Amino acid sequence: MDKHNTGGIGGIIRNSCGDWIIGFFNRIKAHNSTHAELQALQSGLNLAYEKRLAPLEIDTDSTDIIKLLQHNISPAITNFILECRYLLNKLGNPVIRHSFREGNKVAHFLCKWGSKHHLSSTTIILHSPPDAVKKAIQDDKNEVLTTRLISSSICNILAVLENLSIIPATTNSDVMPP
């Protein structure tokens, strides 16, 4: 977000093999990053509904979005939450999981494109991946791993949010004597 509360949103819908189906981006006005994340989710859900792309599994790097969809605690963005819940219901209530930002570099690339796009109410739809993201798509398909150290308390929170990429590290205190 810049000082004028403008930023970008972007997303990608892939098939079960990780291949590109459709992507999108746009420049938006938002009160904060959570508001922007909700707008991105709503745009992706609208696109999936319009294109009849179900069943879905949704990955987001925003734990706040997952919590807000479960328990709305922010009256300022109630309409976005209600719209997302409505679309989720229409799409068969897909699972929404947390994933780290490193797990979806493509969506973040599209978000950056959105932030540079002229301010418009029209979301740009991409039917094929831009050349700039093809390597990231291939890396995701090949399950190229990245490592991030997080505290055990954060690890527990993310496990509750169904983050499937958490692998607990072992320490000397975790190892049982023979």
Protein backbone atom coordinates (compact mmCIF):
# COMPACT_ATOMS: atom_id res chain seq x y z
CA MET A 1 0.00 0.00 0.00
CA ASP A 2 1.25 3.47 -0.75
CA LYS A 3 0.40 6.69 1.06
CA HIS A 4 -2.79 7.03 -1.02
CA ASN A 5 -4.03 3.56 0.04
CA THR A 6 -3.52 2.14 -3.44
CA GLY A 7 -1.93 -1.18 -4.11
CA GLY A 8 -2.29 -4.24 -6.26
CA ILE A 9 -4.06 -7.55 -6.15
CA GLY A 10 -3.30 -10.64 -8.14
CA GLY A 11 -4.03 -14.30 -8.19
CA ILE A 12 -3.78 -17.49 -10.13
CA ILE A 13 -6.03 -20.50 -10.54
CA ARG A 14 -4.20 -23.73 -11.32
CA ASN A 15 -5.28 -27.27 -12.00
CA SER A 16 -4.38 -30.17 -9.73
CA CYS A 17 -1.03 -30.59 -11.54
CA GLY A 18 -0.08 -26.96 -10.90
CA ASP A 19 -0.64 -25.85 -14.48
CA TRP A 20 -1.94 -22.34 -15.15
CA ILE A 21 -5.68 -22.13 -15.84
CA ILE A 22 -6.25 -18.39 -15.45
CA GLY A 23 -4.74 -15.44 -13.62
CA PHE A 24 -5.74 -11.90 -12.77
CA PHE A 25 -4.47 -8.58 -11.46
CA ASN A 26 -5.72 -5.09 -10.77
CA ARG A 27 -4.86 -1.92 -8.92
CA ILE A 28 -7.10 -1.25 -5.94
CA LYS A 29 -7.76 1.16 -3.12
CA ALA A 30 -7.71 -0.44 0.31
CA HIS A 31 -7.65 0.67 3.93
CA ASN A 32 -4.91 -1.84 4.84
CA SER A 33 -3.29 -5.08 3.70
CA THR A 34 -6.13 -7.22 5.10
CA HIS A 35 -8.65 -5.22 3.08
CA ALA A 36 -6.48 -5.73 -0.02
CA GLU A 37 -6.20 -9.49 0.64
CA LEU A 38 -10.00 -9.71 0.91
CA GLN A 39 -10.38 -7.90 -2.41
CA ALA A 40 -7.95 -10.34 -4.02
CA LEU A 41 -9.87 -13.30 -2.59
CA GLN A 42 -13.17 -11.86 -3.76
CA SER A 43 -11.80 -11.29 -7.28
CA GLY A 44 -10.44 -14.83 -7.45
CA LEU A 45 -13.70 -16.32 -6.17
CA ASN A 46 -15.74 -14.27 -8.66
CA LEU A 47 -13.48 -15.47 -11.48
CA ALA A 48 -13.74 -19.11 -10.37
CA TYR A 49 -17.52 -18.82 -10.13
CA GLU A 50 -17.89 -17.11 -13.53
CA LYS A 51 -15.65 -19.70 -15.22
CA ARG A 52 -17.23 -22.61 -13.28
CA LEU A 53 -13.86 -23.67 -11.88
CA ALA A 54 -14.81 -25.96 -9.05
CA PRO A 55 -13.95 -27.88 -6.96
CA LEU A 56 -11.32 -25.57 -5.49
CA GLU A 57 -8.69 -25.51 -2.80
CA ILE A 58 -7.64 -22.01 -1.77
CA ASP A 59 -4.22 -21.03 -0.49
CA THR A 60 -3.58 -17.65 1.10
CA ASP A 61 -0.61 -16.24 2.95
CA SER A 62 -2.96 -14.20 5.15
CA THR A 63 -3.89 -15.85 8.42
CA ASP A 64 -6.10 -12.81 9.07
CA ILE A 65 -8.30 -13.68 6.08
CA ILE A 66 -8.84 -17.22 7.30
CA LYS A 67 -9.75 -15.99 10.78
CA LEU A 68 -12.07 -13.25 9.45
CA LEU A 69 -13.94 -15.72 7.26
CA GLN A 70 -14.49 -17.92 10.30
CA HIS A 71 -15.34 -15.10 12.73
CA ASN A 72 -15.93 -11.59 11.42
CA ILE A 73 -14.26 -9.29 13.93
CA SER A 74 -13.88 -6.25 11.68
CA PRO A 75 -17.07 -4.27 10.98
CA ALA A 76 -15.21 -2.02 8.52
CA ILE A 77 -14.89 -4.86 5.98
CA THR A 78 -18.06 -6.82 6.73
CA ASN A 79 -19.43 -6.48 3.18
CA PHE A 80 -16.30 -8.03 1.66
CA ILE A 81 -16.40 -10.88 4.17
CA LEU A 82 -20.09 -11.54 3.50
CA GLU A 83 -19.51 -11.51 -0.27
CA CYS A 84 -16.57 -13.91 0.05
CA ARG A 85 -18.62 -16.25 2.26
CA TYR A 86 -21.46 -16.13 -0.28
CA LEU A 87 -19.10 -17.00 -3.15
CA LEU A 88 -17.41 -19.73 -1.12
CA ASN A 89 -20.83 -21.26 -0.49
CA LYS A 90 -21.70 -21.08 -4.22
CA LEU A 91 -18.39 -22.82 -4.99
CA GLY A 92 -19.08 -25.71 -2.61
CA ASN A 93 -17.26 -24.34 0.47
CA PRO A 94 -13.70 -25.11 -0.62
CA VAL A 95 -10.94 -25.56 1.92
CA ILE A 96 -8.96 -22.40 2.64
CA ARG A 97 -5.44 -23.03 3.86
CA HIS A 98 -2.50 -20.91 4.85
CA SER A 99 0.60 -21.07 2.71
CA PHE A 100 3.74 -19.01 2.96
CA ARG A 101 4.36 -16.22 0.50
CA GLU A 102 7.28 -18.24 -0.89
CA GLY A 103 4.74 -20.89 -1.89
CA ASN A 104 3.03 -18.66 -4.43
CA LYS A 105 5.50 -16.30 -6.01
CA VAL A 106 3.28 -16.08 -9.08
CA ALA A 107 0.38 -14.46 -7.23
CA HIS A 108 2.75 -11.94 -5.68
CA PHE A 109 4.25 -11.13 -9.05
CA LEU A 110 0.74 -10.49 -10.40
CA CYS A 111 -0.02 -8.35 -7.35
CA LYS A 112 3.01 -6.19 -8.14
CA TRP A 113 1.78 -5.86 -11.73
CA GLY A 114 -1.58 -4.79 -10.33
CA SER A 115 0.00 -2.08 -8.22
CA LYS A 116 1.58 -0.60 -11.37
CA HIS A 117 -1.62 -0.86 -13.43
CA HIS A 118 -3.71 2.26 -14.00
CA LEU A 119 -6.45 2.55 -11.37
CA SER A 120 -9.47 0.85 -12.87
CA SER A 121 -12.51 -1.07 -11.81
CA THR A 122 -11.72 -3.69 -14.45
CA THR A 123 -9.67 -6.66 -13.38
CA ILE A 124 -7.22 -7.83 -16.05
CA ILE A 125 -7.68 -11.52 -16.86
CA LEU A 126 -4.72 -13.52 -18.15
CA HIS A 127 -5.54 -16.71 -20.04
CA SER A 128 -1.90 -17.72 -20.29
CA PRO A 129 1.02 -17.03 -17.97
CA PRO A 130 3.30 -14.08 -18.70
CA ASP A 131 6.85 -15.11 -19.60
CA ALA A 132 8.09 -13.47 -16.40
CA VAL A 133 6.31 -16.06 -14.21
CA LYS A 134 6.87 -19.26 -16.19
CA LYS A 135 9.98 -20.22 -14.18
CA ALA A 136 8.14 -19.69 -10.87
CA ILE A 137 5.26 -21.85 -12.12
CA GLN A 138 7.70 -24.61 -13.07
CA ASP A 139 9.46 -24.32 -9.69
CA ASP A 140 6.09 -24.70 -7.94
CA LYS A 141 5.24 -27.74 -10.07
CA ASN A 142 8.65 -29.26 -9.32
CA GLU A 143 8.08 -28.56 -5.62
CA VAL A 144 11.25 -26.52 -5.27
CA LEU A 145 11.55 -26.06 -1.52
CA THR A 146 12.42 -22.98 0.45
CA THR A 147 13.25 -22.92 4.13
CA ARG A 148 11.95 -20.51 6.74
CA LEU A 149 12.51 -20.77 10.47
CA ILE A 150 9.46 -20.00 12.60
CA SER A 151 8.76 -20.32 16.29
CA SER A 152 6.94 -23.40 17.58
CA SER A 153 3.99 -21.23 18.69
CA ILE A 154 3.57 -19.85 15.15
CA CYS A 155 4.02 -23.38 13.78
CA ASN A 156 1.14 -24.57 15.98
CA ILE A 157 -1.11 -21.72 14.80
CA LEU A 158 -0.33 -22.47 11.16
CA ALA A 159 -0.95 -26.18 11.67
CA VAL A 160 -4.43 -25.34 13.01
CA LEU A 161 -4.96 -23.28 9.83
CA GLU A 162 -4.07 -26.38 7.79
CA ASN A 163 -0.74 -25.17 6.45
CA LEU A 164 0.49 -28.35 4.81
CA SER A 165 4.05 -27.15 4.31
CA ILE A 166 5.14 -27.09 7.94
CA ILE A 167 7.84 -29.58 8.79
CA PRO A 168 8.96 -29.36 12.39
CA ALA A 169 12.70 -29.11 12.82
CA THR A 170 14.30 -31.43 15.30
CA THR A 171 16.62 -30.18 17.97
CA ASN A 172 18.84 -32.09 20.34
CA SER A 173 16.08 -31.90 22.97
CA ASP A 174 13.64 -33.52 20.50
CA VAL A 175 15.79 -36.56 19.94
CA MET A 176 15.13 -39.54 22.22
CA PRO A 177 18.18 -41.33 23.61
CA PRO A 178 18.76 -44.86 22.24
